[in-house]
Each structure stands twice: as C-alpha cells, then as structure tokens.
Amino acid sequence: MGRSRYVITEPDKPHFLTCTVMEWLPVFTRPETVQIVLDCWLYQREHQGLRLYGYVVLENHLHFIAQANRLDKCVSSFKSYTARRIIDYLQARHVKPLLTRLSFSKRAHKIDRDYQFWQEGVHAELIFSEAMMREKLEYIHANPVKRGYVELPEHWRYSSARNYMGLAGLIDIDQW
C-alpha cells in the first residue's frame, strides 16, 4: 500500500475505504470507466474472496466497505488493475487533458510508469460495530444526495443504495 498513513489494521475485518483519483480529476463521468471498477469488484468477489458490503462511485473518488482474508492485497490489486485499465481506456480514446494531468501529477519516484491514476494509499477505517457499519453505509449512500446530484440515494446509478432497498443494483453485494 505504500507510504499511506492510513493502514488496514485488521485485514480480515470489514473496513470503510476511500480511493481518490490524482488531483481529484473527474474520470468517472464516463460509464466505461465506472464499469472497469465494477468489473474488478465482481472479479474479486468471485475469485479473491472479497465481500463488498456497499459502495458509491462519484466523479473523482469512490467509497466502499469491504472485507477479505487479505483486504490489503485485494485493495492493492484493485488499485493497480483499475489504474492500468482506465489509463489504457483514456489512451485509446486520446483523452489528452486527463492524461496530461495524470502524467504531471505522477510522483517523481515512480520511474516505472508514465502516469499515476490513484492517490497513494487508501483511507481505511476499521468497522468495529454494527452501528458503525450502518453509519458508514448511510454516509456512502447519502454522498450523491449531499452533493445535489440526486434527490434520493437509490437514484444514484453507481451505488449500492438500490441493493439495500430491495431493488436490482448494477452489481451484487454482500448485504450486511
């Protein structure tokens, strides 16, 4: 996970996690880039034992609550895979303004790549009670409402709020 002050303290327990695009760039305004994230979570649920309890993807960051035997490894592979795929997508479509910013914001010590997609580390908070789980799920689902994007949490397409309302979401989750 690198030099983050946010550490996954108990990698087999659920954590509330935040991943942010470098410079808060609005990359997730394209359905294809969000689909890369969703597909990665689907793969990790099926092949890496990830339990995904809730999520929201906004234009420049995402929050999710997850658990796995080695959550630290799952998050690391999630960030690596999604970064590579999204950069490939942006390059194939010649999205030069975003690529230029991702190149400019790359850390000087990252000599093995041309771009840096995610900010280093991951803001991780251990979920230690049922009340905290409910609080974090509510926070995740209310995020698009607070930003004024939708009036109700279940109206935000890229969120697990619909799953918790008993409606079909874009991907299956592990409801708490």
Protein backbone atom coordinates (compact mmCIF):
# COMPACT_ATOMS: atom_id res chain seq x y z
CA MET A 1 0.00 0.00 0.00
CA GLY A 2 2.99 2.28 0.10
CA ARG A 3 3.53 5.31 2.26
CA SER A 4 -0.03 5.86 3.45
CA ARG A 5 -0.76 6.97 6.97
CA TYR A 6 -4.00 5.00 6.57
CA VAL A 7 -3.38 1.37 7.34
CA ILE A 8 -5.64 -1.64 7.10
CA THR A 9 -5.16 -2.67 10.70
CA GLU A 10 -7.03 -5.99 10.66
CA PRO A 11 -7.08 -7.20 7.04
CA ASP A 12 -9.70 -9.90 7.69
CA LYS A 13 -12.26 -7.44 9.15
CA PRO A 14 -14.59 -5.06 7.28
CA HIS A 15 -13.18 -1.62 6.51
CA PHE A 16 -14.60 1.60 5.14
CA LEU A 17 -12.26 2.63 2.31
CA THR A 18 -11.79 5.69 0.14
CA CYS A 19 -9.80 5.85 -3.11
CA THR A 20 -9.26 9.19 -4.81
CA VAL A 21 -8.12 10.00 -8.34
CA MET A 22 -4.98 12.15 -8.55
CA GLU A 23 -5.80 15.87 -8.43
CA TRP A 24 -9.47 14.89 -7.93
CA LEU A 25 -9.79 14.62 -11.71
CA PRO A 26 -13.33 13.77 -12.95
CA VAL A 27 -12.60 10.41 -14.57
CA PHE A 28 -15.75 8.57 -13.52
CA THR A 29 -18.06 10.73 -15.61
CA ARG A 30 -17.73 8.09 -18.34
CA PRO A 31 -19.80 4.91 -17.83
CA GLU A 32 -16.94 2.82 -19.27
CA THR A 33 -14.50 3.90 -16.56
CA VAL A 34 -17.02 3.11 -13.81
CA GLN A 35 -17.63 -0.28 -15.41
CA ILE A 36 -13.92 -1.08 -15.03
CA VAL A 37 -14.28 -0.53 -11.27
CA LEU A 38 -17.48 -2.59 -11.06
CA ASP A 39 -15.98 -5.43 -13.11
CA CYS A 40 -12.93 -5.52 -10.85
CA TRP A 41 -15.12 -5.82 -7.75
CA LEU A 42 -17.12 -8.60 -9.42
CA TYR A 43 -13.92 -10.48 -10.22
CA GLN A 44 -12.57 -10.02 -6.71
CA ARG A 45 -15.82 -11.24 -5.15
CA GLU A 46 -15.75 -14.36 -7.32
CA HIS A 47 -12.03 -15.17 -7.30
CA GLN A 48 -10.40 -13.45 -4.30
CA GLY A 49 -12.97 -13.82 -1.54
CA LEU A 50 -13.82 -10.13 -1.37
CA ARG A 51 -17.00 -9.30 0.49
CA LEU A 52 -18.35 -5.99 -0.77
CA TYR A 53 -20.94 -4.56 1.64
CA GLY A 54 -21.54 -1.21 -0.02
CA TYR A 55 -20.09 1.29 -2.48
CA VAL A 56 -20.51 4.59 -4.24
CA VAL A 57 -18.54 5.85 -7.23
CA LEU A 58 -18.52 9.61 -7.73
CA GLU A 59 -16.78 11.56 -10.50
CA ASN A 60 -13.34 11.66 -8.85
CA HIS A 61 -13.34 9.23 -5.92
CA LEU A 62 -15.09 6.22 -4.52
CA HIS A 63 -16.02 4.82 -1.13
CA PHE A 64 -16.63 1.19 -0.34
CA ILE A 65 -16.94 -1.17 2.59
CA ALA A 66 -15.20 -4.47 2.08
CA GLN A 67 -13.70 -7.45 3.83
CA ALA A 68 -11.36 -10.25 2.71
CA ASN A 69 -8.81 -12.60 4.25
CA ARG A 70 -6.14 -10.22 2.91
CA LEU A 71 -8.03 -6.99 2.30
CA ASP A 72 -4.74 -5.12 1.96
CA LYS A 73 -3.80 -7.33 -1.01
CA CYS A 74 -7.28 -7.01 -2.55
CA VAL A 75 -7.14 -3.21 -2.35
CA SER A 76 -3.64 -3.13 -3.79
CA SER A 77 -4.61 -5.31 -6.75
CA PHE A 78 -7.85 -3.32 -7.18
CA LYS A 79 -5.96 -0.05 -7.47
CA SER A 80 -3.29 -1.48 -9.74
CA TYR A 81 -5.72 -3.21 -12.11
CA THR A 82 -8.23 -0.35 -12.35
CA ALA A 83 -5.48 2.24 -12.86
CA ARG A 84 -3.94 0.27 -15.74
CA ARG A 85 -7.30 -0.39 -17.42
CA ILE A 86 -8.55 3.19 -17.05
CA ILE A 87 -5.30 4.65 -18.38
CA ASP A 88 -5.48 2.23 -21.32
CA TYR A 89 -9.06 3.39 -21.94
CA LEU A 90 -8.05 7.08 -21.84
CA GLN A 91 -5.10 6.45 -24.17
CA ALA A 92 -7.23 4.52 -26.68
CA ARG A 93 -9.66 7.45 -26.81
CA HIS A 94 -6.92 10.11 -26.87
CA VAL A 95 -8.23 11.90 -23.78
CA LYS A 96 -5.16 14.13 -23.68
CA PRO A 97 -6.23 16.65 -20.99
CA LEU A 98 -6.71 13.92 -18.37
CA LEU A 99 -3.61 12.00 -19.45
CA THR A 100 -1.50 15.16 -19.28
CA ARG A 101 -2.67 15.84 -15.71
CA LEU A 102 -2.11 12.20 -14.67
CA SER A 103 1.39 12.38 -16.11
CA PHE A 104 2.15 15.72 -14.46
CA SER A 105 0.91 14.56 -11.05
CA LYS A 106 2.92 11.34 -11.12
CA ARG A 107 5.26 11.15 -8.16
CA ALA A 108 8.91 11.75 -9.08
CA HIS A 109 9.98 8.42 -7.56
CA LYS A 110 7.58 6.47 -9.80
CA ILE A 111 10.07 5.81 -12.59
CA ASP A 112 8.37 2.60 -13.74
CA ARG A 113 5.33 4.35 -15.24
CA ASP A 114 4.22 7.38 -17.21
CA TYR A 115 1.04 8.11 -15.23
CA GLN A 116 -0.28 7.88 -11.71
CA PHE A 117 -4.02 7.36 -11.51
CA TRP A 118 -4.84 6.90 -7.81
CA GLN A 119 -3.54 8.96 -4.94
CA GLU A 120 -1.15 6.90 -2.88
CA GLY A 121 -2.53 4.82 -0.04
CA VAL A 122 -6.11 4.31 0.88
CA HIS A 123 -8.09 5.92 3.65
CA ALA A 124 -9.15 2.83 5.64
CA GLU A 125 -11.29 2.74 8.78
CA LEU A 126 -11.93 -0.49 10.65
CA ILE A 127 -15.65 -1.21 11.07
CA PHE A 128 -15.85 -2.35 14.67
CA SER A 129 -19.61 -2.43 15.33
CA GLU A 130 -22.96 -2.85 13.66
CA ALA A 131 -23.80 0.79 14.44
CA MET A 132 -20.63 1.94 12.68
CA MET A 133 -21.44 -0.27 9.68
CA ARG A 134 -24.90 1.35 9.41
CA GLU A 135 -23.37 4.82 9.78
CA LYS A 136 -20.81 4.23 7.02
CA LEU A 137 -23.40 2.68 4.68
CA GLU A 138 -25.66 5.70 5.21
CA TYR A 139 -22.72 8.04 4.55
CA ILE A 140 -21.82 6.22 1.34
CA HIS A 141 -25.38 6.21 0.04
CA ALA A 142 -26.08 9.84 1.04
CA ASN A 143 -22.93 11.18 -0.66
CA PRO A 144 -24.57 11.88 -4.08
CA VAL A 145 -27.60 13.44 -2.33
CA LYS A 146 -25.40 15.79 -0.28
CA ARG A 147 -23.64 16.84 -3.48
CA GLY A 148 -27.00 17.66 -5.06
CA TYR A 149 -26.70 15.07 -7.85
CA VAL A 150 -29.88 13.20 -6.93
CA GLU A 151 -32.78 13.60 -4.52
CA LEU A 152 -32.77 10.04 -3.19
CA PRO A 153 -29.79 7.71 -2.64
CA GLU A 154 -31.31 4.92 -4.73
CA HIS A 155 -31.43 7.27 -7.74
CA TRP A 156 -27.61 7.31 -7.98
CA ARG A 157 -26.72 4.68 -10.55
CA TYR A 158 -23.22 3.94 -9.24
CA SER A 159 -24.12 3.00 -5.69
CA SER A 160 -25.28 0.02 -3.66
CA ALA A 161 -28.23 2.02 -2.27
CA ARG A 162 -30.63 0.22 -4.64
CA ASN A 163 -29.43 -3.16 -3.36
CA TYR A 164 -30.36 -2.14 0.19
CA MET A 165 -33.81 -1.00 -0.99
CA GLY A 166 -34.50 -4.50 -2.34
CA LEU A 167 -34.06 -3.32 -5.94
CA ALA A 168 -31.61 -4.59 -8.54
CA GLY A 169 -28.26 -2.81 -8.40
CA LEU A 170 -25.59 -2.75 -11.09
CA ILE A 171 -23.66 -5.48 -9.25
CA ASP A 172 -24.45 -7.88 -6.44
CA ILE A 173 -23.14 -7.04 -2.99
CA ASP A 174 -22.87 -8.84 0.32
CA GLN A 175 -25.58 -7.11 2.33
CA TRP A 176 -24.80 -6.54 5.98
